[in-house]
Amino acid sequence: MIDKTVRELNCLVEAREINIAELAEQYIAEIHQHNGYYQAITTFSETSFRLLAETADQMLQSGEARGPLHGIPILIDDLIDVANMRTSYGCEAYFDHVPDVESIVVRRLRDAGALFPGKASTSELGLILEEEADRFICRSPWGDGFVSGGGTSGAMVGTLKNFAAAAIAMDVGGNVLLPAAFNGMFTLVPSYGRIAHTPIYSRGLMFASVALITQDVADTAFLMNIVAGHSEVDPLSARMPVVDYLAAIERPNRGLSVALTNALWNAPCDDDHRSAISRIEKLLKSADCNVVYKRPPIRESIDAWKTIQCANLHASHCNQQQQNSDGFGPVTSEWIDQGAHTSAQEYIEAQKRIYGLRLLLREFFISYDVLIVSATGCVPFKYGAVPSNLQEGDNSAGWQDYASMCNIAAVSGFPTANLPVGITKEGLPICVFAIAKPGDEDLLLSLCKMLQESAVEHK
């Protein structure tokens, strides 16, 4: 039963053909059996999950279902506050932190009837980190010794391994999109503010955007119908119109103008991803889309993002660091310390670069509806191995190449979907990013649904 999609579980609940308590026990058994190895869940609220499932069952039997997610478990990234559940932001300094108030998106899921088995493992304060064999967030599902992508990989692997039906996570600069690509999960990072969260400056998460993680495009559309929209509690949430996303994915894509490229800048791209882009070109043309190979005139953004992020992390966490320096890892401590020495000029210059990136993309999307690009240019690889888009002895930046692709998409504020479009001969996922104009999540999901169906046939 736990391999069902969110929509399938919803249908079973509505028809009262499912025992929610028994369903919860299946998820609990799966977590007990596999989480010790994968370490995808950092806080497992087993007792609470079990009690809430029993209550949901009683409500269902008495005709009091709360909403479309009644009794369905959703995994929450540890960067997102859940009331009365430990939320450490992946940081030992906040190990005992239990929020009284939860994120708006969590409240919307709860009001729709969702249950929360626990918090997913995440990198410390959402930073993009280069993984090592003895320092990882979550183990990869593709085999021993493979890089999982760090960041929010707990939410990715937890959903893939059926610890929950779906997950939500917080992208603050590529920490969602990178593990999404390395774990082969369909993931939507919507336009900035499309999903209301909470005021985000309190923890230095300058570029925060709530992301949806599922194994199916239609499930994401289903969840968007529940969580998208403005909230007065979140002054940064957008007032863009909200549509019926589930209906939107059935729209024809004929006549769309689509730009294809192997990389967002001069980052290398392996043969598997080049072939995937070529297959997508043929499919789009057969669907009467207007397709050209074109990329926006932008460059990598990690340095500018890091300057801003360091300054905000210092402003938000320097007091905690002074009180508990051992509670922060070496990379995070370095970033917080760097933020202390960031000048106003450096901060403003970094902001100008990010705004310039966004302006260039806005101009680019005057001519195109969607941009499709290789997600990372490489497939998952083992610790210490050369990524598939590089050659032995190559002096390129390596991890910064594929991380920069994710960072550019994330800091742009444009809706971006990571879409698995095939597998290599070795059984590793090949993913692309589909990027659209702010507010065009409905168009993006419709195109992704068509491409996902084609990818299934290609397998």
Protein backbone atom coordinates (compact mmCIF):
# COMPACT_ATOMS: atom_id res chain seq x y z
CA MET A 1 0.00 0.00 0.00
CA ILE A 2 2.85 2.42 0.76
CA ASP A 3 3.94 2.42 -2.88
CA LYS A 4 0.71 4.19 -3.87
CA THR A 5 0.78 7.78 -5.13
CA VAL A 6 -0.73 10.59 -3.09
CA ARG A 7 -3.72 10.69 -5.43
CA GLU A 8 -4.24 6.94 -5.19
CA LEU A 9 -4.19 7.12 -1.41
CA ASN A 10 -6.65 10.02 -1.53
CA CYS A 11 -9.06 7.93 -3.62
CA LEU A 12 -8.79 5.00 -1.22
CA VAL A 13 -9.43 7.25 1.77
CA GLU A 14 -12.42 8.93 0.13
CA ALA A 15 -13.88 5.52 -0.71
CA ARG A 16 -13.11 4.32 2.84
CA GLU A 17 -11.23 1.39 1.37
CA ILE A 18 -8.19 1.89 3.58
CA ASN A 19 -7.38 1.58 7.26
CA ILE A 20 -5.21 4.61 8.06
CA ALA A 21 -3.75 3.08 11.23
CA GLU A 22 -2.67 -0.01 9.29
CA LEU A 23 -1.24 2.20 6.55
CA ALA A 24 0.78 4.12 9.14
CA GLU A 25 2.14 0.84 10.50
CA GLN A 26 3.41 -0.07 7.05
CA TYR A 27 5.30 3.23 6.82
CA ILE A 28 6.64 2.76 10.36
CA ALA A 29 7.88 -0.74 9.49
CA GLU A 30 9.61 0.60 6.37
CA ILE A 31 11.32 3.34 8.38
CA HIS A 32 12.47 0.88 11.04
CA GLN A 33 13.83 -1.49 8.42
CA HIS A 34 15.73 0.99 6.25
CA ASN A 35 16.27 4.35 7.94
CA GLY A 36 19.14 3.03 10.04
CA TYR A 37 21.11 2.62 6.83
CA TYR A 38 19.90 5.59 4.76
CA GLN A 39 19.59 8.07 7.66
CA ALA A 40 16.92 9.96 5.71
CA ILE A 41 14.88 10.81 8.81
CA THR A 42 16.59 12.69 11.62
CA THR A 43 13.57 13.02 13.93
CA PHE A 44 11.07 10.15 13.90
CA SER A 45 7.91 10.97 15.87
CA GLU A 46 6.67 7.40 15.91
CA THR A 47 4.32 7.62 18.91
CA SER A 48 2.71 10.84 17.71
CA PHE A 49 2.42 9.51 14.15
CA ARG A 50 0.72 6.35 15.37
CA LEU A 51 -1.74 8.21 17.61
CA LEU A 52 -2.62 10.72 14.91
CA ALA A 53 -3.18 7.89 12.42
CA GLU A 54 -5.58 6.18 14.84
CA THR A 55 -7.45 9.46 15.34
CA ALA A 56 -7.61 10.01 11.58
CA ASP A 57 -9.06 6.51 11.21
CA GLN A 58 -11.78 7.24 13.75
CA MET A 59 -12.61 10.53 12.03
CA LEU A 60 -12.82 8.80 8.66
CA GLN A 61 -15.18 6.13 9.94
CA SER A 62 -17.43 8.81 11.45
CA GLY A 63 -17.49 10.81 8.22
CA GLU A 64 -15.25 13.62 9.49
CA ALA A 65 -12.33 13.50 7.05
CA ARG A 66 -10.40 16.77 7.27
CA GLY A 67 -9.44 17.20 3.63
CA PRO A 68 -7.78 15.74 0.53
CA LEU A 69 -4.68 14.61 2.47
CA HIS A 70 -6.58 12.96 5.31
CA GLY A 71 -4.36 10.30 6.85
CA ILE A 72 -1.61 10.64 4.20
CA PRO A 73 1.96 10.98 5.57
CA ILE A 74 4.12 13.86 4.34
CA LEU A 75 7.81 14.12 5.30
CA ILE A 76 9.01 17.59 6.34
CA ASP A 77 12.53 18.90 5.72
CA ASP A 78 14.34 19.85 8.94
CA LEU A 79 14.69 23.44 7.70
CA ILE A 80 10.91 23.89 8.06
CA ASP A 81 9.23 24.52 11.43
CA VAL A 82 6.64 22.03 12.66
CA ALA A 83 4.92 22.89 15.93
CA ASN A 84 5.86 20.62 18.85
CA MET A 85 8.35 18.68 16.74
CA ARG A 86 12.11 19.08 17.07
CA THR A 87 13.43 21.28 14.28
CA SER A 88 17.20 21.66 14.35
CA TYR A 89 17.86 23.04 10.83
CA GLY A 90 20.50 20.31 10.50
CA CYS A 91 22.57 22.07 13.17
CA GLU A 92 23.65 20.67 16.55
CA ALA A 93 23.41 24.13 18.09
CA TYR A 94 19.63 23.91 17.66
CA PHE A 95 19.32 20.24 18.58
CA ASP A 96 16.80 20.93 21.36
CA HIS A 97 14.78 23.52 19.44
CA VAL A 98 11.03 22.72 19.41
CA PRO A 99 8.96 25.48 17.73
CA ASP A 100 5.65 26.61 19.18
CA VAL A 101 4.50 27.97 15.82
CA GLU A 102 4.79 26.16 12.51
CA SER A 103 5.31 27.24 8.93
CA ILE A 104 2.23 28.29 6.98
CA VAL A 105 2.80 25.52 4.43
CA VAL A 106 2.87 22.93 7.23
CA ARG A 107 -0.37 24.36 8.63
CA ARG A 108 -2.02 24.10 5.20
CA LEU A 109 -0.94 20.48 4.89
CA ARG A 110 -2.17 19.74 8.42
CA ASP A 111 -5.52 21.43 7.75
CA ALA A 112 -5.86 19.19 4.67
CA GLY A 113 -5.46 16.14 6.93
CA ALA A 114 -1.78 15.27 6.36
CA LEU A 115 0.19 13.38 9.01
CA PHE A 116 3.86 14.05 9.74
CA PRO A 117 6.00 11.02 10.64
CA GLY A 118 9.09 13.15 11.22
CA LYS A 119 11.76 15.51 9.94
CA ALA A 120 14.04 14.71 7.00
CA SER A 121 17.82 15.01 7.24
CA THR A 122 19.26 18.18 5.76
CA SER A 123 22.61 19.93 5.45
CA GLU A 124 23.47 22.39 8.19
CA LEU A 125 21.36 25.54 7.71
CA GLY A 126 20.75 24.44 4.11
CA LEU A 127 24.30 25.09 2.87
CA ILE A 128 25.56 23.41 -0.30
CA LEU A 129 28.41 21.17 0.82
CA GLU A 130 30.76 18.88 -1.06
CA GLU A 131 30.11 15.41 0.34
CA GLU A 132 32.77 13.03 1.56
CA ALA A 133 32.54 9.34 2.43
CA ASP A 134 32.63 10.06 6.16
CA ARG A 135 30.54 13.25 6.01
CA PHE A 136 27.19 12.92 4.31
CA ILE A 137 23.60 13.94 4.97
CA CYS A 138 21.89 10.80 3.76
CA ARG A 139 23.10 7.69 1.96
CA SER A 140 22.39 7.41 -1.74
CA PRO A 141 19.73 4.95 -2.98
CA TRP A 142 21.91 4.08 -5.98
CA GLY A 143 24.51 2.02 -4.12
CA ASP A 144 27.20 2.09 -1.46
CA GLY A 145 29.65 4.94 -1.82
CA PHE A 146 27.55 7.12 -4.13
CA VAL A 147 27.10 10.84 -3.45
CA SER A 148 23.48 11.66 -2.53
CA GLY A 149 23.79 15.37 -3.26
CA GLY A 150 23.79 16.54 0.35
CA GLY A 151 21.32 19.33 1.06
CA THR A 152 17.79 18.01 1.43
CA SER A 153 18.71 14.48 0.33
CA GLY A 154 16.84 13.10 3.36
CA ALA A 155 13.53 14.27 1.92
CA MET A 156 14.45 12.83 -1.49
CA VAL A 157 15.51 9.40 -0.26
CA GLY A 158 12.74 9.27 2.34
CA THR A 159 10.13 9.75 -0.39
CA LEU A 160 11.86 7.40 -2.84
CA LYS A 161 12.07 4.66 -0.20
CA ASN A 162 8.42 5.09 0.84
CA PHE A 163 9.00 6.52 4.31
CA ALA A 164 6.18 8.91 3.36
CA ALA A 165 3.97 9.55 0.35
CA ALA A 166 5.63 12.89 -0.48
CA ALA A 167 7.82 15.56 1.12
CA ILE A 168 8.29 19.30 1.32
CA ALA A 169 11.68 20.96 1.63
CA MET A 170 13.29 24.40 1.69
CA ASP A 171 15.60 25.47 -1.12
CA VAL A 172 17.95 28.29 -0.15
CA GLY A 173 20.31 28.20 -3.12
CA GLY A 174 20.34 24.77 -4.78
CA ASN A 175 20.26 22.52 -1.73
CA VAL A 176 16.98 21.01 -3.02
CA LEU A 177 17.64 20.90 -6.76
CA LEU A 178 21.07 19.24 -6.43
CA PRO A 179 19.91 16.18 -4.40
CA ALA A 180 16.74 16.04 -6.51
CA ALA A 181 18.93 15.47 -9.58
CA PHE A 182 21.25 13.02 -7.83
CA ASN A 183 18.33 10.99 -6.46
CA GLY A 184 16.08 11.11 -9.53
CA MET A 185 13.04 12.67 -7.84
CA PHE A 186 10.47 14.91 -9.48
CA THR A 187 10.80 18.15 -7.56
CA LEU A 188 9.16 21.53 -8.08
CA VAL A 189 10.72 24.69 -6.67
CA PRO A 190 7.99 27.24 -7.46
CA SER A 191 8.33 30.98 -8.02
CA TYR A 192 9.52 32.91 -4.99
CA GLY A 193 6.58 33.39 -2.67
CA ARG A 194 4.21 31.11 -4.58
CA ILE A 195 3.93 28.93 -1.45
CA ALA A 196 3.64 31.00 1.72
CA HIS A 197 6.11 30.05 4.41
CA THR A 198 7.05 32.41 7.26
CA PRO A 199 9.22 35.52 7.42
CA ILE A 200 12.50 33.97 6.37
CA TYR A 201 15.15 36.40 7.52
CA SER A 202 15.05 35.08 11.08
CA ARG A 203 17.48 32.25 10.26
CA GLY A 204 19.41 33.87 7.46
CA LEU A 205 17.60 31.92 4.73
CA MET A 206 17.73 34.78 2.25
CA PHE A 207 16.68 32.82 -0.84
CA ALA A 208 14.20 30.42 0.78
CA SER A 209 11.53 28.78 -1.36
CA VAL A 210 9.32 25.84 -0.41
CA ALA A 211 9.72 22.85 -2.75
CA LEU A 212 7.45 19.85 -3.36
CA ILE A 213 8.97 16.37 -3.72
CA THR A 214 7.03 13.48 -5.24
CA GLN A 215 7.51 10.57 -7.61
CA ASP A 216 4.83 11.82 -9.98
CA VAL A 217 4.04 15.16 -11.68
CA ALA A 218 0.31 14.77 -11.06
CA ASP A 219 0.96 14.33 -7.33
CA THR A 220 2.82 17.64 -7.32
CA ALA A 221 -0.10 19.34 -9.07
CA PHE A 222 -2.42 17.79 -6.47
CA LEU A 223 -0.30 19.21 -3.64
CA MET A 224 -0.01 22.62 -5.30
CA ASN A 225 -3.80 22.89 -5.17
CA ILE A 226 -3.49 22.61 -1.39
CA VAL A 227 -0.44 24.69 -0.48
CA ALA A 228 -0.08 27.43 -3.12
CA GLY A 229 -1.22 30.95 -2.37
CA HIS A 230 -0.57 34.18 -0.51
CA SER A 231 -0.81 34.62 3.24
CA GLU A 232 -0.90 37.89 5.17
CA VAL A 233 1.28 36.19 7.79
CA ASP A 234 4.09 35.94 5.23
CA PRO A 235 4.69 39.42 3.75
CA LEU A 236 7.07 37.89 1.18
CA SER A 237 4.46 35.54 -0.24
CA ALA A 238 3.28 36.42 -3.74
CA ARG A 239 -0.20 37.61 -4.66
CA MET A 240 -0.11 35.79 -8.00
CA PRO A 241 -3.37 34.11 -9.07
CA VAL A 242 -3.68 30.44 -8.13
CA VAL A 243 -5.16 28.06 -10.70
CA ASP A 244 -6.35 24.46 -10.62
CA TYR A 245 -2.99 22.82 -11.19
CA LEU A 246 -4.39 19.30 -11.49
CA ALA A 247 -6.63 20.41 -14.35
CA ALA A 248 -3.81 22.44 -15.88
CA ILE A 249 -1.54 19.42 -16.44
CA GLU A 250 -4.06 18.06 -18.95
CA ARG A 251 -3.68 21.08 -21.23
CA PRO A 252 -2.12 20.53 -24.66
CA ASN A 253 1.40 21.94 -25.09
CA ARG A 254 1.05 22.68 -28.80
CA GLY A 255 2.66 25.95 -29.86
CA LEU A 256 4.86 26.42 -26.81
CA SER A 257 8.20 28.09 -27.44
CA VAL A 258 10.91 26.00 -25.78
CA ALA A 259 14.62 26.74 -25.51
CA LEU A 260 17.01 23.81 -25.05
CA THR A 261 20.59 23.88 -23.85
CA ASN A 262 23.06 21.44 -22.36
CA ALA A 263 24.21 23.86 -19.64
CA LEU A 264 23.22 27.21 -18.14
CA TRP A 265 26.76 28.44 -18.57
CA ASN A 266 30.05 26.86 -19.68
CA ALA A 267 29.78 23.89 -17.35
CA PRO A 268 30.55 20.52 -19.00
CA CYS A 269 27.78 18.03 -19.84
CA ASP A 270 28.12 14.25 -20.26
CA ASP A 271 26.91 12.21 -23.22
CA ASP A 272 23.89 10.76 -21.41
CA HIS A 273 22.49 14.22 -20.71
CA ARG A 274 23.23 15.42 -24.24
CA SER A 275 21.31 12.43 -25.59
CA ALA A 276 18.42 13.17 -23.23
CA ILE A 277 18.21 16.75 -24.46
CA SER A 278 18.17 15.47 -28.06
CA ARG A 279 15.31 13.04 -27.25
CA ILE A 280 13.38 15.89 -25.66
CA GLU A 281 13.89 18.00 -28.79
CA LYS A 282 12.33 15.30 -30.96
CA LEU A 283 9.42 14.80 -28.57
CA LEU A 284 8.65 18.51 -28.34
CA LYS A 285 8.74 18.92 -32.10
CA SER A 286 6.38 15.97 -32.50
CA ALA A 287 4.02 17.78 -30.09
CA ASP A 288 4.10 20.87 -32.33
CA CYS A 289 6.22 22.95 -29.98
CA ASN A 290 8.59 25.57 -31.34
CA VAL A 291 12.06 24.40 -30.30
CA VAL A 292 15.46 26.09 -30.58
CA TYR A 293 18.85 25.53 -28.98
CA LYS A 294 19.43 28.70 -27.00
CA ARG A 295 20.68 29.62 -23.55
CA PRO A 296 20.50 32.89 -21.64
CA PRO A 297 23.71 34.97 -21.44
CA ILE A 298 24.31 34.31 -17.74
CA ARG A 299 27.23 33.05 -15.65
CA GLU A 300 27.60 31.12 -12.41
CA SER A 301 26.19 32.77 -9.28
CA ILE A 302 27.60 30.78 -6.35
CA ASP A 303 30.14 33.44 -5.29
CA ALA A 304 27.51 36.19 -5.16
CA TRP A 305 25.03 33.89 -3.40
CA LYS A 306 27.68 32.86 -0.87
CA THR A 307 28.54 36.49 -0.04
CA ILE A 308 24.90 37.28 0.70
CA GLN A 309 24.32 34.00 2.51
CA CYS A 310 27.37 34.44 4.76
CA ALA A 311 26.30 37.92 5.81
CA ASN A 312 22.78 36.76 6.61
CA LEU A 313 24.00 33.68 8.46
CA HIS A 314 26.25 35.86 10.59
CA ALA A 315 23.44 38.28 11.41
CA SER A 316 21.14 35.39 12.36
CA HIS A 317 23.48 32.98 14.13
CA CYS A 318 26.52 34.85 15.47
CA ASN A 319 25.08 35.10 18.99
CA GLN A 320 24.28 31.39 19.05
CA GLN A 321 27.76 30.65 17.71
CA GLN A 322 29.36 32.69 20.49
CA GLN A 323 27.36 30.77 23.10
CA ASN A 324 27.87 27.33 21.52
CA SER A 325 30.72 27.32 19.02
CA ASP A 326 30.97 23.51 19.10
CA GLY A 327 27.36 23.30 17.90
CA PHE A 328 28.29 24.46 14.40
CA GLY A 329 30.24 22.46 11.84
CA PRO A 330 33.52 23.74 10.36
CA VAL A 331 32.01 24.87 7.04
CA THR A 332 29.10 26.69 8.67
CA SER A 333 31.42 28.33 11.20
CA GLU A 334 33.65 29.48 8.36
CA TRP A 335 30.67 30.97 6.50
CA ILE A 336 29.39 32.75 9.62
CA ASP A 337 32.85 34.15 10.29
CA GLN A 338 33.18 35.27 6.67
CA GLY A 339 29.85 37.08 7.04
CA ALA A 340 31.31 39.11 9.91
CA HIS A 341 33.88 40.57 7.50
CA THR A 342 31.55 41.15 4.55
CA SER A 343 31.49 44.86 3.73
CA ALA A 344 28.38 46.75 2.69
CA GLN A 345 29.94 47.26 -0.75
CA GLU A 346 30.56 43.53 -1.16
CA TYR A 347 27.01 42.74 -0.09
CA ILE A 348 25.48 45.26 -2.49
CA GLU A 349 27.69 44.14 -5.38
CA ALA A 350 26.59 40.53 -4.77
CA GLN A 351 22.95 41.60 -4.75
CA LYS A 352 23.49 43.44 -8.03
CA ARG A 353 24.81 40.23 -9.61
CA ILE A 354 21.78 38.25 -8.46
CA TYR A 355 19.38 40.96 -9.66
CA GLY A 356 21.28 41.12 -12.94
CA LEU A 357 20.83 37.37 -13.34
CA ARG A 358 17.09 37.73 -12.81
CA LEU A 359 16.82 40.61 -15.27
CA LEU A 360 18.66 38.63 -17.94
CA LEU A 361 16.30 35.69 -17.42
CA ARG A 362 13.25 37.95 -17.58
CA GLU A 363 14.46 39.28 -20.91
CA PHE A 364 15.19 35.76 -22.13
CA PHE A 365 11.67 34.58 -21.25
CA ILE A 366 10.09 37.32 -23.33
CA SER A 367 10.88 35.07 -26.29
CA TYR A 368 10.49 31.63 -24.70
CA ASP A 369 7.88 29.91 -22.54
CA VAL A 370 10.17 27.26 -21.07
CA LEU A 371 13.90 26.61 -20.82
CA ILE A 372 15.05 22.98 -20.54
CA VAL A 373 18.62 22.28 -19.49
CA SER A 374 20.65 19.40 -18.12
CA ALA A 375 20.17 19.42 -14.35
CA THR A 376 23.78 18.86 -13.29
CA GLY A 377 25.51 17.69 -16.45
CA CYS A 378 26.51 14.46 -14.71
CA VAL A 379 24.91 11.42 -13.08
CA PRO A 380 25.48 10.32 -9.46
CA PHE A 381 29.05 9.23 -8.85
CA LYS A 382 31.04 7.64 -6.04
CA TYR A 383 32.98 9.58 -3.44
CA GLY A 384 36.38 10.48 -4.83
CA ALA A 385 35.42 9.47 -8.38
CA VAL A 386 35.52 11.79 -11.38
CA PRO A 387 31.99 12.96 -12.33
CA SER A 388 30.73 11.72 -15.70
CA ASN A 389 30.98 15.21 -17.23
CA LEU A 390 34.69 15.54 -16.44
CA GLN A 391 37.82 13.70 -17.54
CA GLU A 392 40.52 12.24 -15.29
CA GLY A 393 42.98 15.02 -14.50
CA ASP A 394 40.55 17.75 -15.58
CA ASN A 395 41.31 20.95 -13.70
CA SER A 396 37.73 22.24 -13.90
CA ALA A 397 35.95 23.31 -10.72
CA GLY A 398 34.26 19.91 -10.42
CA TRP A 399 31.49 20.09 -7.84
CA GLN A 400 31.08 23.83 -8.44
CA ASP A 401 30.16 23.08 -12.05
CA TYR A 402 27.14 20.94 -11.23
CA ALA A 403 26.26 22.85 -8.05
CA SER A 404 26.32 26.13 -10.02
CA MET A 405 23.65 24.81 -12.37
CA CYS A 406 21.39 24.20 -9.38
CA ASN A 407 22.34 27.48 -7.71
CA ILE A 408 21.51 29.57 -10.79
CA ALA A 409 18.05 28.01 -11.05
CA ALA A 410 17.39 28.39 -7.33
CA VAL A 411 18.44 32.02 -6.82
CA SER A 412 16.65 33.15 -9.97
CA GLY A 413 13.27 32.89 -8.26
CA PHE A 414 11.86 31.38 -11.46
CA PRO A 415 9.79 28.17 -11.10
CA THR A 416 12.07 25.19 -11.72
CA ALA A 417 11.27 21.48 -11.90
CA ASN A 418 13.80 18.67 -11.69
CA LEU A 419 12.50 15.96 -14.00
CA PRO A 420 13.95 12.44 -14.36
CA VAL A 421 13.98 11.64 -18.09
CA GLY A 422 15.85 8.34 -18.27
CA ILE A 423 18.46 6.06 -16.77
CA THR A 424 21.97 5.19 -17.86
CA LYS A 425 23.14 1.69 -18.79
CA GLU A 426 24.44 1.50 -15.22
CA GLY A 427 20.96 2.26 -13.86
CA LEU A 428 21.65 5.84 -12.73
CA PRO A 429 19.11 8.68 -13.13
CA ILE A 430 19.36 11.30 -15.88
CA CYS A 431 17.57 14.54 -15.00
CA VAL A 432 16.82 17.89 -16.61
CA PHE A 433 15.63 21.20 -15.23
CA ALA A 434 12.55 22.80 -16.77
CA ILE A 435 12.36 26.54 -15.99
CA ALA A 436 9.49 28.92 -16.72
CA LYS A 437 8.44 32.50 -16.02
CA PRO A 438 7.36 33.45 -12.49
CA GLY A 439 3.76 32.38 -11.99
CA ASP A 440 3.80 29.79 -14.81
CA GLU A 441 3.85 26.68 -12.61
CA ASP A 442 0.74 25.39 -14.39
CA LEU A 443 2.43 25.52 -17.81
CA LEU A 444 5.59 23.98 -16.35
CA LEU A 445 3.72 21.07 -14.77
CA SER A 446 1.79 20.40 -17.98
CA LEU A 447 4.97 20.16 -20.04
CA CYS A 448 6.67 18.02 -17.37
CA LYS A 449 3.76 15.59 -17.35
CA MET A 450 4.12 15.06 -21.10
CA LEU A 451 7.89 14.58 -20.78
CA GLN A 452 7.49 12.23 -17.80
CA GLU A 453 5.10 10.00 -19.73
CA SER A 454 7.59 9.87 -22.60
CA ALA A 455 10.44 9.04 -20.18
CA VAL A 456 8.45 6.09 -18.82
CA GLU A 457 7.97 4.79 -22.36
CA HIS A 458 11.70 5.31 -23.08
CA LYS A 459 12.66 3.12 -20.11
